[in-house]
Amino acid sequence: MRFWNAGTEPEQRRLAAAALADGVEYRAEIGILSGAQALMDFRNQFVAHMGTAALRLRERPQVHHHRARLQWEILTGDGDGASFATGTDVIQLDQDGRISSVTVFLDRAPAGFDAEAHH
């Protein structure tokens, strides 16, 4: 969460180094990304396009056997923000507890999003 909500590039890099394994893989409807820099670029492009955006938990994460299920919501705009999308991530952790892969499932896609267009 803190990585996606980080406000500056130095903060993103610091959090990525602590939380993400080398070669972390991110799989979502929009494609597959590899490495912390690719995730930082994706996040920064999203915020540049949408303006203010924040990721928040919908429920407490469930964790077992080096896996986690994280239910989230993206809010856009200032203040309380408008709900943009909700989803569930399945996260794999390496032996050091860092994130080695993320698989994203959209529970409620953004308005106008066509999942079939991204396959």
PDB file of N, CA and C in Angstrom:
ATOM      1  N   MET A   1       0.811  -1.190   0.000  1.00  0.00           N
ATOM      2  CA  MET A   1       0.000   0.000   0.000  1.00  0.00           C
ATOM      3  C   MET A   1       0.857   1.258   0.000  1.00  0.00           C
ATOM      4  N   ARG A   2       1.843   1.277   0.888  1.00  0.00           N
ATOM      5  CA  ARG A   2       2.666   2.485   0.989  1.00  0.00           C
ATOM      6  C   ARG A   2       3.394   2.762  -0.318  1.00  0.00           C
ATOM      7  N   PHE A   3       3.849   1.701  -1.012  1.00  0.00           N
ATOM      8  CA  PHE A   3       4.537   1.880  -2.290  1.00  0.00           C
ATOM      9  C   PHE A   3       3.623   2.590  -3.287  1.00  0.00           C
ATOM     10  N   TRP A   4       2.380   2.111  -3.439  1.00  0.00           N
ATOM     11  CA  TRP A   4       1.465   2.703  -4.415  1.00  0.00           C
ATOM     12  C   TRP A   4       1.045   4.111  -4.022  1.00  0.00           C
ATOM     13  N   ASN A   5       1.041   4.420  -2.745  1.00  0.00           N
ATOM     14  CA  ASN A   5       0.622   5.745  -2.283  1.00  0.00           C
ATOM     15  C   ASN A   5       1.784   6.706  -2.057  1.00  0.00           C
ATOM     16  N   ALA A   6       3.005   6.270  -2.307  1.00  0.00           N
ATOM     17  CA  ALA A   6       4.181   7.126  -2.100  1.00  0.00           C
ATOM     18  C   ALA A   6       4.095   8.360  -2.992  1.00  0.00           C
ATOM     19  N   GLY A   7       4.451   9.507  -2.422  1.00  0.00           N
ATOM     20  CA  GLY A   7       4.311  10.760  -3.147  1.00  0.00           C
ATOM     21  C   GLY A   7       5.515  11.194  -3.960  1.00  0.00           C
ATOM     22  N   THR A   8       6.688  10.652  -3.650  1.00  0.00           N
ATOM     23  CA  THR A   8       7.891  11.073  -4.364  1.00  0.00           C
ATOM     24  C   THR A   8       8.645   9.857  -4.893  1.00  0.00           C
ATOM     25  N   GLU A   9       9.440  10.083  -5.917  1.00  0.00           N
ATOM     26  CA  GLU A   9      10.226   8.986  -6.481  1.00  0.00           C
ATOM     27  C   GLU A   9      11.230   8.411  -5.481  1.00  0.00           C
ATOM     28  N   PRO A  10      11.952   9.249  -4.716  1.00  0.00           N
ATOM     29  CA  PRO A  10      12.859   8.661  -3.718  1.00  0.00           C
ATOM     30  C   PRO A  10      12.124   7.777  -2.702  1.00  0.00           C
ATOM     31  N   GLU A  11      10.943   8.203  -2.291  1.00  0.00           N
ATOM     32  CA  GLU A  11      10.156   7.394  -1.356  1.00  0.00           C
ATOM     33  C   GLU A  11       9.724   6.084  -2.020  1.00  0.00           C
ATOM     34  N   GLN A  12       9.295   6.155  -3.286  1.00  0.00           N
ATOM     35  CA  GLN A  12       8.923   4.937  -4.026  1.00  0.00           C
ATOM     36  C   GLN A  12      10.098   3.971  -4.097  1.00  0.00           C
ATOM     37  N   ARG A  13      11.271   4.481  -4.435  1.00  0.00           N
ATOM     38  CA  ARG A  13      12.460   3.622  -4.556  1.00  0.00           C
ATOM     39  C   ARG A  13      12.809   2.961  -3.219  1.00  0.00           C
ATOM     40  N   ARG A  14      12.735   3.728  -2.143  1.00  0.00           N
ATOM     41  CA  ARG A  14      13.035   3.189  -0.821  1.00  0.00           C
ATOM     42  C   ARG A  14      12.046   2.087  -0.456  1.00  0.00           C
ATOM     43  N   LEU A  15      10.771   2.338  -0.672  1.00  0.00           N
ATOM     44  CA  LEU A  15       9.747   1.349  -0.349  1.00  0.00           C
ATOM     45  C   LEU A  15       9.831   0.134  -1.266  1.00  0.00           C
ATOM     46  N   ALA A  16      10.132   0.359  -2.543  1.00  0.00           N
ATOM     47  CA  ALA A  16      10.276  -0.763  -3.480  1.00  0.00           C
ATOM     48  C   ALA A  16      11.424  -1.666  -3.065  1.00  0.00           C
ATOM     49  N   ALA A  17      12.541  -1.077  -2.677  1.00  0.00           N
ATOM     50  CA  ALA A  17      13.701  -1.876  -2.264  1.00  0.00           C
ATOM     51  C   ALA A  17      13.377  -2.728  -1.044  1.00  0.00           C
ATOM     52  N   ALA A  18      12.555  -2.203  -0.148  1.00  0.00           N
ATOM     53  CA  ALA A  18      12.208  -2.939   1.070  1.00  0.00           C
ATOM     54  C   ALA A  18      11.131  -3.995   0.825  1.00  0.00           C
ATOM     55  N   ALA A  19      10.178  -3.712  -0.064  1.00  0.00           N
ATOM     56  CA  ALA A  19       8.997  -4.574  -0.197  1.00  0.00           C
ATOM     57  C   ALA A  19       9.015  -5.509  -1.394  1.00  0.00           C
ATOM     58  N   LEU A  20       9.746  -5.153  -2.455  1.00  0.00           N
ATOM     59  CA  LEU A  20       9.675  -5.915  -3.698  1.00  0.00           C
ATOM     60  C   LEU A  20      10.944  -6.720  -3.935  1.00  0.00           C
ATOM     61  N   ALA A  21      10.772  -7.977  -4.309  1.00  0.00           N
ATOM     62  CA  ALA A  21      11.912  -8.825  -4.657  1.00  0.00           C
ATOM     63  C   ALA A  21      12.480  -8.380  -6.001  1.00  0.00           C
ATOM     64  N   ASP A  22      13.746  -8.693  -6.227  1.00  0.00           N
ATOM     65  CA  ASP A  22      14.348  -8.430  -7.532  1.00  0.00           C
ATOM     66  C   ASP A  22      13.540  -9.185  -8.586  1.00  0.00           C
ATOM     67  N   GLY A  23      13.209  -8.520  -9.673  1.00  0.00           N
ATOM     68  CA  GLY A  23      12.463  -9.169 -10.750  1.00  0.00           C
ATOM     69  C   GLY A  23      11.005  -9.413 -10.428  1.00  0.00           C
ATOM     70  N   VAL A  24      10.443  -8.667  -9.485  1.00  0.00           N
ATOM     71  CA  VAL A  24       9.034  -8.831  -9.139  1.00  0.00           C
ATOM     72  C   VAL A  24       8.189  -8.820 -10.415  1.00  0.00           C
ATOM     73  N   GLU A  25       7.189  -9.675 -10.465  1.00  0.00           N
ATOM     74  CA  GLU A  25       6.318  -9.766 -11.638  1.00  0.00           C
ATOM     75  C   GLU A  25       4.911  -9.332 -11.249  1.00  0.00           C
ATOM     76  N   TYR A  26       4.294  -8.516 -12.109  1.00  0.00           N
ATOM     77  CA  TYR A  26       2.962  -7.962 -11.878  1.00  0.00           C
ATOM     78  C   TYR A  26       2.093  -8.357 -13.062  1.00  0.00           C
ATOM     79  N   ARG A  27       1.042  -9.139 -12.812  1.00  0.00           N
ATOM     80  CA  ARG A  27       0.141  -9.606 -13.873  1.00  0.00           C
ATOM     81  C   ARG A  27      -1.243  -9.009 -13.655  1.00  0.00           C
ATOM     82  N   ALA A  28      -1.708  -8.269 -14.656  1.00  0.00           N
ATOM     83  CA  ALA A  28      -3.032  -7.654 -14.602  1.00  0.00           C
ATOM     84  C   ALA A  28      -3.659  -7.745 -15.986  1.00  0.00           C
ATOM     85  N   GLU A  29      -4.941  -7.407 -16.084  1.00  0.00           N
ATOM     86  CA  GLU A  29      -5.632  -7.435 -17.379  1.00  0.00           C
ATOM     87  C   GLU A  29      -4.891  -6.619 -18.438  1.00  0.00           C
ATOM     88  N   ILE A  30      -4.253  -5.548 -18.014  1.00  0.00           N
ATOM     89  CA  ILE A  30      -3.584  -4.661 -18.966  1.00  0.00           C
ATOM     90  C   ILE A  30      -2.256  -5.198 -19.464  1.00  0.00           C
ATOM     91  N   GLY A  31      -1.707  -6.218 -18.795  1.00  0.00           N
ATOM     92  CA  GLY A  31      -0.445  -6.795 -19.243  1.00  0.00           C
ATOM     93  C   GLY A  31       0.389  -7.314 -18.090  1.00  0.00           C
ATOM     94  N   ILE A  32       1.608  -7.703 -18.431  1.00  0.00           N
ATOM     95  CA  ILE A  32       2.556  -8.238 -17.459  1.00  0.00           C
ATOM     96  C   ILE A  32       3.735  -7.285 -17.367  1.00  0.00           C
ATOM     97  N   LEU A  33       4.059  -6.893 -16.147  1.00  0.00           N
ATOM     98  CA  LEU A  33       5.190  -6.005 -15.895  1.00  0.00           C
ATOM     99  C   LEU A  33       6.224  -6.756 -15.071  1.00  0.00           C
ATOM    100  N   SER A  34       7.496  -6.458 -15.305  1.00  0.00           N
ATOM    101  CA  SER A  34       8.573  -7.092 -14.534  1.00  0.00           C
ATOM    102  C   SER A  34       9.511  -6.031 -13.986  1.00  0.00           C
ATOM    103  N   GLY A  35       9.817  -6.156 -12.703  1.00  0.00           N
ATOM    104  CA  GLY A  35      10.774  -5.268 -12.060  1.00  0.00           C
ATOM    105  C   GLY A  35      10.129  -4.080 -11.384  1.00  0.00           C
ATOM    106  N   ALA A  36      10.795  -3.596 -10.352  1.00  0.00           N
ATOM    107  CA  ALA A  36      10.284  -2.474  -9.568  1.00  0.00           C
ATOM    108  C   ALA A  36      10.130  -1.211 -10.411  1.00  0.00           C
ATOM    109  N   GLN A  37      11.065  -0.961 -11.324  1.00  0.00           N
ATOM    110  CA  GLN A  37      10.980   0.247 -12.141  1.00  0.00           C
ATOM    111  C   GLN A  37       9.726   0.234 -13.007  1.00  0.00           C
ATOM    112  N   ALA A  38       9.374  -0.918 -13.564  1.00  0.00           N
ATOM    113  CA  ALA A  38       8.162  -1.020 -14.379  1.00  0.00           C
ATOM    114  C   ALA A  38       6.919  -0.732 -13.539  1.00  0.00           C
ATOM    115  N   LEU A  39       6.895  -1.211 -12.300  1.00  0.00           N
ATOM    116  CA  LEU A  39       5.757  -0.933 -11.421  1.00  0.00           C
ATOM    117  C   LEU A  39       5.698   0.542 -11.051  1.00  0.00           C
ATOM    118  N   MET A  40       6.852   1.145 -10.798  1.00  0.00           N
ATOM    119  CA  MET A  40       6.892   2.579 -10.500  1.00  0.00           C
ATOM    120  C   MET A  40       6.393   3.381 -11.698  1.00  0.00           C
ATOM    121  N   ASP A  41       6.851   3.027 -12.898  1.00  0.00           N
ATOM    122  CA  ASP A  41       6.422   3.734 -14.106  1.00  0.00           C
ATOM    123  C   ASP A  41       4.910   3.617 -14.305  1.00  0.00           C
ATOM    124  N   PHE A  42       4.374   2.401 -14.124  1.00  0.00           N
ATOM    125  CA  PHE A  42       2.936   2.172 -14.272  1.00  0.00           C
ATOM    126  C   PHE A  42       2.153   3.032 -13.284  1.00  0.00           C
ATOM    127  N   ARG A  43       2.556   3.015 -12.042  1.00  0.00           N
ATOM    128  CA  ARG A  43       1.877   3.798 -11.007  1.00  0.00           C
ATOM    129  C   ARG A  43       1.942   5.290 -11.326  1.00  0.00           C
ATOM    130  N   ASN A  44       3.105   5.775 -11.724  1.00  0.00           N
ATOM    131  CA  ASN A  44       3.271   7.198 -12.008  1.00  0.00           C
ATOM    132  C   ASN A  44       2.499   7.626 -13.247  1.00  0.00           C
ATOM    133  N   GLN A  45       2.422   6.775 -14.270  1.00  0.00           N
ATOM    134  CA  GLN A  45       1.623   7.084 -15.458  1.00  0.00           C
ATOM    135  C   GLN A  45       0.140   7.144 -15.107  1.00  0.00           C
ATOM    136  N   PHE A  46      -0.297   6.223 -14.254  1.00  0.00           N
ATOM    137  CA  PHE A  46      -1.696   6.219 -13.829  1.00  0.00           C
ATOM    138  C   PHE A  46      -2.042   7.520 -13.113  1.00  0.00           C
ATOM    139  N   VAL A  47      -1.211   7.917 -12.151  1.00  0.00           N
ATOM    140  CA  VAL A  47      -1.468   9.141 -11.386  1.00  0.00           C
ATOM    141  C   VAL A  47      -1.380  10.368 -12.294  1.00  0.00           C
ATOM    142  N   ALA A  48      -0.439  10.386 -13.232  1.00  0.00           N
ATOM    143  CA  ALA A  48      -0.333  11.515 -14.161  1.00  0.00           C
ATOM    144  C   ALA A  48      -1.598  11.634 -15.009  1.00  0.00           C
ATOM    145  N   HIS A  49      -2.177  10.507 -15.384  1.00  0.00           N
ATOM    146  CA  HIS A  49      -3.392  10.499 -16.202  1.00  0.00           C
ATOM    147  C   HIS A  49      -4.637  10.839 -15.376  1.00  0.00           C
ATOM    148  N   MET A  50      -4.724  10.296 -14.161  1.00  0.00           N
ATOM    149  CA  MET A  50      -5.933  10.429 -13.347  1.00  0.00           C
ATOM    150  C   MET A  50      -5.910  11.626 -12.402  1.00  0.00           C
ATOM    151  N   GLY A  51      -4.742  12.180 -12.147  1.00  0.00           N
ATOM    152  CA  GLY A  51      -4.636  13.199 -11.113  1.00  0.00           C
ATOM    153  C   GLY A  51      -4.432  12.507  -9.778  1.00  0.00           C
ATOM    154  N   THR A  52      -4.982  13.034  -8.735  1.00  0.00           N
ATOM    155  CA  THR A  52      -4.820  12.441  -7.412  1.00  0.00           C
ATOM    156  C   THR A  52      -5.464  11.064  -7.364  1.00  0.00           C
ATOM    157  N   ALA A  53      -4.711  10.091  -6.850  1.00  0.00           N
ATOM    158  CA  ALA A  53      -5.240   8.733  -6.690  1.00  0.00           C
ATOM    159  C   ALA A  53      -4.624   8.114  -5.444  1.00  0.00           C
ATOM    160  N   ALA A  54      -5.416   7.312  -4.759  1.00  0.00           N
ATOM    161  CA  ALA A  54      -4.928   6.619  -3.563  1.00  0.00           C
ATOM    162  C   ALA A  54      -5.462   5.197  -3.563  1.00  0.00           C
ATOM    163  N   LEU A  55      -4.636   4.292  -3.111  1.00  0.00           N
ATOM    164  CA  LEU A  55      -5.017   2.896  -2.968  1.00  0.00           C
ATOM    165  C   LEU A  55      -5.288   2.649  -1.491  1.00  0.00           C
ATOM    166  N   ARG A  56      -6.417   2.003  -1.187  1.00  0.00           N
ATOM    167  CA  ARG A  56      -6.720   1.704   0.214  1.00  0.00           C
ATOM    168  C   ARG A  56      -7.216   0.271   0.328  1.00  0.00           C
ATOM    169  N   LEU A  57      -7.033  -0.302   1.504  1.00  0.00           N
ATOM    170  CA  LEU A  57      -7.515  -1.653   1.781  1.00  0.00           C
ATOM    171  C   LEU A  57      -9.024  -1.643   1.969  1.00  0.00           C
ATOM    172  N   ARG A  58      -9.677  -2.683   1.451  1.00  0.00           N
ATOM    173  CA  ARG A  58     -11.105  -2.865   1.726  1.00  0.00           C
ATOM    174  C   ARG A  58     -11.306  -3.770   2.934  1.00  0.00           C
ATOM    175  N   GLU A  59     -10.372  -4.677   3.127  1.00  0.00           N
ATOM    176  CA  GLU A  59     -10.408  -5.592   4.267  1.00  0.00           C
ATOM    177  C   GLU A  59      -8.981  -5.900   4.682  1.00  0.00           C
ATOM    178  N   ARG A  60      -8.842  -6.459   5.853  1.00  0.00           N
ATOM    179  CA  ARG A  60      -7.519  -6.862   6.332  1.00  0.00           C
ATOM    180  C   ARG A  60      -6.979  -7.979   5.426  1.00  0.00           C
ATOM    181  N   PRO A  61      -5.716  -7.892   4.988  1.00  0.00           N
ATOM    182  CA  PRO A  61      -5.148  -8.935   4.122  1.00  0.00           C
ATOM    183  C   PRO A  61      -5.128 -10.297   4.821  1.00  0.00           C
ATOM    184  N   GLN A  62      -5.302 -11.332   4.032  1.00  0.00           N
ATOM    185  CA  GLN A  62      -5.176 -12.705   4.518  1.00  0.00           C
ATOM    186  C   GLN A  62      -3.829 -13.231   4.049  1.00  0.00           C
ATOM    187  N   VAL A  63      -3.078 -13.870   4.952  1.00  0.00           N
ATOM    188  CA  VAL A  63      -1.728 -14.331   4.625  1.00  0.00           C
ATOM    189  C   VAL A  63      -1.539 -15.754   5.138  1.00  0.00           C
ATOM    190  N   HIS A  64      -0.993 -16.619   4.274  1.00  0.00           N
ATOM    191  CA  HIS A  64      -0.558 -17.951   4.700  1.00  0.00           C
ATOM    192  C   HIS A  64       0.369 -18.542   3.648  1.00  0.00           C
ATOM    193  N   HIS A  65       1.323 -19.337   4.084  1.00  0.00           N
ATOM    194  CA  HIS A  65       2.235 -20.090   3.219  1.00  0.00           C
ATOM    195  C   HIS A  65       2.858 -19.235   2.110  1.00  0.00           C
ATOM    196  N   HIS A  66       3.379 -18.091   2.458  1.00  0.00           N
ATOM    197  CA  HIS A  66       4.049 -17.182   1.512  1.00  0.00           C
ATOM    198  C   HIS A  66       3.111 -16.637   0.439  1.00  0.00           C
ATOM    199  N   ARG A  67       1.823 -16.578   0.737  1.00  0.00           N
ATOM    200  CA  ARG A  67       0.837 -15.991  -0.159  1.00  0.00           C
ATOM    201  C   ARG A  67      -0.010 -15.018   0.650  1.00  0.00           C
ATOM    202  N   ALA A  68      -0.532 -14.026  -0.061  1.00  0.00           N
ATOM    203  CA  ALA A  68      -1.443 -13.073   0.575  1.00  0.00           C
ATOM    204  C   ALA A  68      -2.551 -12.717  -0.401  1.00  0.00           C
ATOM    205  N   ARG A  69      -3.719 -12.473   0.154  1.00  0.00           N
ATOM    206  CA  ARG A  69      -4.843 -11.970  -0.637  1.00  0.00           C
ATOM    207  C   ARG A  69      -5.158 -10.583  -0.102  1.00  0.00           C
ATOM    208  N   LEU A  70      -5.130  -9.610  -1.007  1.00  0.00           N
ATOM    209  CA  LEU A  70      -5.276  -8.210  -0.637  1.00  0.00           C
ATOM    210  C   LEU A  70      -6.445  -7.626  -1.424  1.00  0.00           C
ATOM    211  N   GLN A  71      -7.485  -7.185  -0.729  1.00  0.00           N
ATOM    212  CA  GLN A  71      -8.624  -6.557  -1.385  1.00  0.00           C
ATOM    213  C   GLN A  71      -8.471  -5.043  -1.262  1.00  0.00           C
ATOM    214  N   TRP A  72      -8.564  -4.350  -2.396  1.00  0.00           N
ATOM    215  CA  TRP A  72      -8.242  -2.933  -2.437  1.00  0.00           C
ATOM    216  C   TRP A  72      -9.307  -2.138  -3.182  1.00  0.00           C
ATOM    217  N   GLU A  73      -9.188  -0.818  -3.044  1.00  0.00           N
ATOM    218  CA  GLU A  73     -10.011   0.126  -3.786  1.00  0.00           C
ATOM    219  C   GLU A  73      -9.124   1.292  -4.186  1.00  0.00           C
ATOM    220  N   ILE A  74      -9.290   1.769  -5.403  1.00  0.00           N
ATOM    221  CA  ILE A  74      -8.594   2.976  -5.860  1.00  0.00           C
ATOM    222  C   ILE A  74      -9.575   4.137  -5.769  1.00  0.00           C
ATOM    223  N   LEU A  75      -9.143   5.187  -5.071  1.00  0.00           N
ATOM    224  CA  LEU A  75      -9.925   6.410  -4.960  1.00  0.00           C
ATOM    225  C   LEU A  75      -9.235   7.492  -5.780  1.00  0.00           C
ATOM    226  N   THR A  76     -10.016   8.276  -6.514  1.00  0.00           N
ATOM    227  CA  THR A  76      -9.451   9.371  -7.299  1.00  0.00           C
ATOM    228  C   THR A  76     -10.044  10.689  -6.817  1.00  0.00           C
ATOM    229  N   GLY A  77      -9.300  11.754  -7.055  1.00  0.00           N
ATOM    230  CA  GLY A  77      -9.753  13.077  -6.650  1.00  0.00           C
ATOM    231  C   GLY A  77      -9.244  13.441  -5.271  1.00  0.00           C
ATOM    232  N   ASP A  78      -9.475  14.678  -4.898  1.00  0.00           N
ATOM    233  CA  ASP A  78      -9.038  15.183  -3.596  1.00  0.00           C
ATOM    234  C   ASP A  78     -10.063  14.852  -2.516  1.00  0.00           C
ATOM    235  N   GLY A  79      -9.677  15.032  -1.289  1.00  0.00           N
ATOM    236  CA  GLY A  79     -10.585  14.781  -0.171  1.00  0.00           C
ATOM    237  C   GLY A  79     -10.870  13.301  -0.024  1.00  0.00           C
ATOM    238  N   ASP A  80     -12.147  12.961   0.133  1.00  0.00           N
ATOM    239  CA  ASP A  80     -12.541  11.562   0.291  1.00  0.00           C
ATOM    240  C   ASP A  80     -12.321  10.767  -0.985  1.00  0.00           C
ATOM    241  N   GLY A  81     -12.405  11.409  -2.128  1.00  0.00           N
ATOM    242  CA  GLY A  81     -12.168  10.747  -3.397  1.00  0.00           C
ATOM    243  C   GLY A  81     -13.354   9.925  -3.857  1.00  0.00           C
ATOM    244  N   ALA A  82     -13.400   9.724  -5.160  1.00  0.00           N
ATOM    245  CA  ALA A  82     -14.436   8.900  -5.771  1.00  0.00           C
ATOM    246  C   ALA A  82     -13.861   7.511  -6.024  1.00  0.00           C
ATOM    247  N   SER A  83     -14.685   6.508  -5.852  1.00  0.00           N
ATOM    248  CA  SER A  83     -14.229   5.138  -6.079  1.00  0.00           C
ATOM    249  C   SER A  83     -14.052   4.910  -7.576  1.00  0.00           C
ATOM    250  N   PHE A  84     -12.835   4.546  -7.977  1.00  0.00           N
ATOM    251  CA  PHE A  84     -12.495   4.327  -9.380  1.00  0.00           C
ATOM    252  C   PHE A  84     -12.639   2.855  -9.755  1.00  0.00           C
ATOM    253  N   ALA A  85     -12.142   1.978  -8.900  1.00  0.00           N
ATOM    254  CA  ALA A  85     -12.186   0.537  -9.160  1.00  0.00           C
ATOM    255  C   ALA A  85     -11.907  -0.200  -7.864  1.00  0.00           C
ATOM    256  N   THR A  86     -12.318  -1.466  -7.829  1.00  0.00           N
ATOM    257  CA  THR A  86     -11.958  -2.339  -6.715  1.00  0.00           C
ATOM    258  C   THR A  86     -11.366  -3.612  -7.288  1.00  0.00           C
ATOM    259  N   GLY A  87     -10.537  -4.264  -6.483  1.00  0.00           N
ATOM    260  CA  GLY A  87      -9.919  -5.492  -6.952  1.00  0.00           C
ATOM    261  C   GLY A  87      -9.345  -6.317  -5.827  1.00  0.00           C
ATOM    262  N   THR A  88      -8.817  -7.454  -6.224  1.00  0.00           N
ATOM    263  CA  THR A  88      -8.166  -8.373  -5.304  1.00  0.00           C
ATOM    264  C   THR A  88      -6.835  -8.777  -5.907  1.00  0.00           C
ATOM    265  N   ASP A  89      -5.781  -8.656  -5.138  1.00  0.00           N
ATOM    266  CA  ASP A  89      -4.452  -9.093  -5.564  1.00  0.00           C
ATOM    267  C   ASP A  89      -4.102 -10.378  -4.832  1.00  0.00           C
ATOM    268  N   VAL A  90      -3.521 -11.308  -5.568  1.00  0.00           N
ATOM    269  CA  VAL A  90      -2.926 -12.497  -4.967  1.00  0.00           C
ATOM    270  C   VAL A  90      -1.424 -12.283  -5.047  1.00  0.00           C
ATOM    271  N   ILE A  91      -0.788 -12.245  -3.897  1.00  0.00           N
ATOM    272  CA  ILE A  91       0.621 -11.874  -3.789  1.00  0.00           C
ATOM    273  C   ILE A  91       1.428 -13.076  -3.330  1.00  0.00           C
ATOM    274  N   GLN A  92       2.557 -13.285  -3.987  1.00  0.00           N
ATOM    275  CA  GLN A  92       3.487 -14.331  -3.555  1.00  0.00           C
ATOM    276  C   GLN A  92       4.687 -13.658  -2.917  1.00  0.00           C
ATOM    277  N   LEU A  93       5.092 -14.183  -1.761  1.00  0.00           N
ATOM    278  CA  LEU A  93       6.230 -13.638  -1.026  1.00  0.00           C
ATOM    279  C   LEU A  93       7.419 -14.576  -1.151  1.00  0.00           C
ATOM    280  N   ASP A  94       8.614 -13.995  -1.243  1.00  0.00           N
ATOM    281  CA  ASP A  94       9.816 -14.834  -1.284  1.00  0.00           C
ATOM    282  C   ASP A  94      10.222 -15.224   0.139  1.00  0.00           C
ATOM    283  N   GLN A  95      11.332 -15.923   0.270  1.00  0.00           N
ATOM    284  CA  GLN A  95      11.786 -16.403   1.581  1.00  0.00           C
ATOM    285  C   GLN A  95      12.108 -15.263   2.548  1.00  0.00           C
ATOM    286  N   ASP A  96      12.412 -14.080   1.998  1.00  0.00           N
ATOM    287  CA  ASP A  96      12.718 -12.912   2.830  1.00  0.00           C
ATOM    288  C   ASP A  96      11.476 -12.084   3.162  1.00  0.00           C
ATOM    289  N   GLY A  97      10.312 -12.536   2.686  1.00  0.00           N
ATOM    290  CA  GLY A  97       9.077 -11.812   2.950  1.00  0.00           C
ATOM    291  C   GLY A  97       8.798 -10.678   1.985  1.00  0.00           C
ATOM    292  N   ARG A  98       9.608 -10.573   0.921  1.00  0.00           N
ATOM    293  CA  ARG A  98       9.373  -9.524  -0.077  1.00  0.00           C
ATOM    294  C   ARG A  98       8.446 -10.054  -1.174  1.00  0.00           C
ATOM    295  N   ILE A  99       7.752  -9.176  -1.823  1.00  0.00           N
ATOM    296  CA  ILE A  99       6.788  -9.543  -2.857  1.00  0.00           C
ATOM    297  C   ILE A  99       7.535  -9.971  -4.117  1.00  0.00           C
ATOM    298  N   SER A 100       7.289 -11.211  -4.559  1.00  0.00           N
ATOM    299  CA  SER A 100       7.928 -11.705  -5.777  1.00  0.00           C
ATOM    300  C   SER A 100       6.968 -11.701  -6.963  1.00  0.00           C
ATOM    301  N   SER A 101       5.661 -11.778  -6.703  1.00  0.00           N
ATOM    302  CA  SER A 101       4.697 -11.672  -7.797  1.00  0.00           C
ATOM    303  C   SER A 101       3.361 -11.167  -7.275  1.00  0.00           C
ATOM    304  N   VAL A 102       2.655 -10.485  -8.174  1.00  0.00           N
ATOM    305  CA  VAL A 102       1.319  -9.967  -7.886  1.00  0.00           C
ATOM    306  C   VAL A 102       0.432 -10.337  -9.068  1.00  0.00           C
ATOM    307  N   THR A 103      -0.700 -10.967  -8.786  1.00  0.00           N
ATOM    308  CA  THR A 103      -1.708 -11.230  -9.810  1.00  0.00           C
ATOM    309  C   THR A 103      -2.945 -10.437  -9.419  1.00  0.00           C
ATOM    310  N   VAL A 104      -3.394  -9.577 -10.334  1.00  0.00           N
ATOM    311  CA  VAL A 104      -4.476  -8.637 -10.061  1.00  0.00           C
ATOM    312  C   VAL A 104      -5.776  -9.134 -10.695  1.00  0.00           C
ATOM    313  N   PHE A 105      -6.841  -9.125  -9.907  1.00  0.00           N
ATOM    314  CA  PHE A 105      -8.180  -9.414 -10.404  1.00  0.00           C
ATOM    315  C   PHE A 105      -9.052  -8.207 -10.110  1.00  0.00           C
ATOM    316  N   LEU A 106      -9.778  -7.732 -11.124  1.00  0.00           N
ATOM    317  CA  LEU A 106     -10.687  -6.607 -10.924  1.00  0.00           C
ATOM    318  C   LEU A 106     -12.019  -7.136 -10.405  1.00  0.00           C
ATOM    319  N   ASP A 107     -12.435  -6.656  -9.250  1.00  0.00           N
ATOM    320  CA  ASP A 107     -13.747  -6.999  -8.716  1.00  0.00           C
ATOM    321  C   ASP A 107     -14.805  -6.066  -9.300  1.00  0.00           C
ATOM    322  N   ARG A 108     -14.450  -4.813  -9.455  1.00  0.00           N
ATOM    323  CA  ARG A 108     -15.291  -3.819 -10.130  1.00  0.00           C
ATOM    324  C   ARG A 108     -14.365  -2.984 -10.991  1.00  0.00           C
ATOM    325  N   ALA A 109     -14.460  -3.190 -12.281  1.00  0.00           N
ATOM    326  CA  ALA A 109     -13.585  -2.487 -13.222  1.00  0.00           C
ATOM    327  C   ALA A 109     -13.991  -1.020 -13.328  1.00  0.00           C
ATOM    328  N   PRO A 110     -13.056  -0.178 -13.762  1.00  0.00           N
ATOM    329  CA  PRO A 110     -13.400   1.225 -13.993  1.00  0.00           C
ATOM    330  C   PRO A 110     -14.458   1.341 -15.092  1.00  0.00           C
ATOM    331  N   ALA A 111     -15.258   2.373 -15.034  1.00  0.00           N
ATOM    332  CA  ALA A 111     -16.265   2.610 -16.063  1.00  0.00           C
ATOM    333  C   ALA A 111     -15.596   2.644 -17.434  1.00  0.00           C
ATOM    334  N   GLY A 112     -16.161   1.918 -18.375  1.00  0.00           N
ATOM    335  CA  GLY A 112     -15.645   1.909 -19.735  1.00  0.00           C
ATOM    336  C   GLY A 112     -14.497   0.960 -19.990  1.00  0.00           C
ATOM    337  N   PHE A 113     -14.017   0.256 -18.965  1.00  0.00           N
ATOM    338  CA  PHE A 113     -12.895  -0.670 -19.133  1.00  0.00           C
ATOM    339  C   PHE A 113     -13.384  -1.933 -19.816  1.00  0.00           C
ATOM    340  N   ASP A 114     -12.712  -2.335 -20.888  1.00  0.00           N
ATOM    341  CA  ASP A 114     -13.047  -3.548 -21.627  1.00  0.00           C
ATOM    342  C   ASP A 114     -11.939  -4.568 -21.418  1.00  0.00           C
ATOM    343  N   ALA A 115     -12.170  -5.520 -20.528  1.00  0.00           N
ATOM    344  CA  ALA A 115     -11.154  -6.535 -20.225  1.00  0.00           C
ATOM    345  C   ALA A 115     -10.789  -7.344 -21.458  1.00  0.00           C
ATOM    346  N   GLU A 116     -11.747  -7.581 -22.349  1.00  0.00           N
ATOM    347  CA  GLU A 116     -11.475  -8.374 -23.554  1.00  0.00           C
ATOM    348  C   GLU A 116     -10.492  -7.663 -24.486  1.00  0.00           C
ATOM    349  N   ALA A 117     -10.445  -6.358 -24.429  1.00  0.00           N
ATOM    350  CA  ALA A 117      -9.533  -5.594 -25.287  1.00  0.00           C
ATOM    351  C   ALA A 117      -8.084  -5.763 -24.866  1.00  0.00           C
ATOM    352  N   HIS A 118      -7.847  -6.283 -23.671  1.00  0.00           N
ATOM    353  CA  HIS A 118      -6.491  -6.396 -23.138  1.00  0.00           C
ATOM    354  C   HIS A 118      -5.958  -7.820 -23.162  1.00  0.00           C
ATOM    355  N   HIS A 119      -6.658  -8.748 -23.800  1.00  0.00           N
ATOM    356  CA  HIS A 119      -6.189 -10.143 -23.858  1.00  0.00           C
ATOM    357  C   HIS A 119      -5.420 -10.385 -25.123  1.00  0.00           C
TER     358      HIS A 119
END
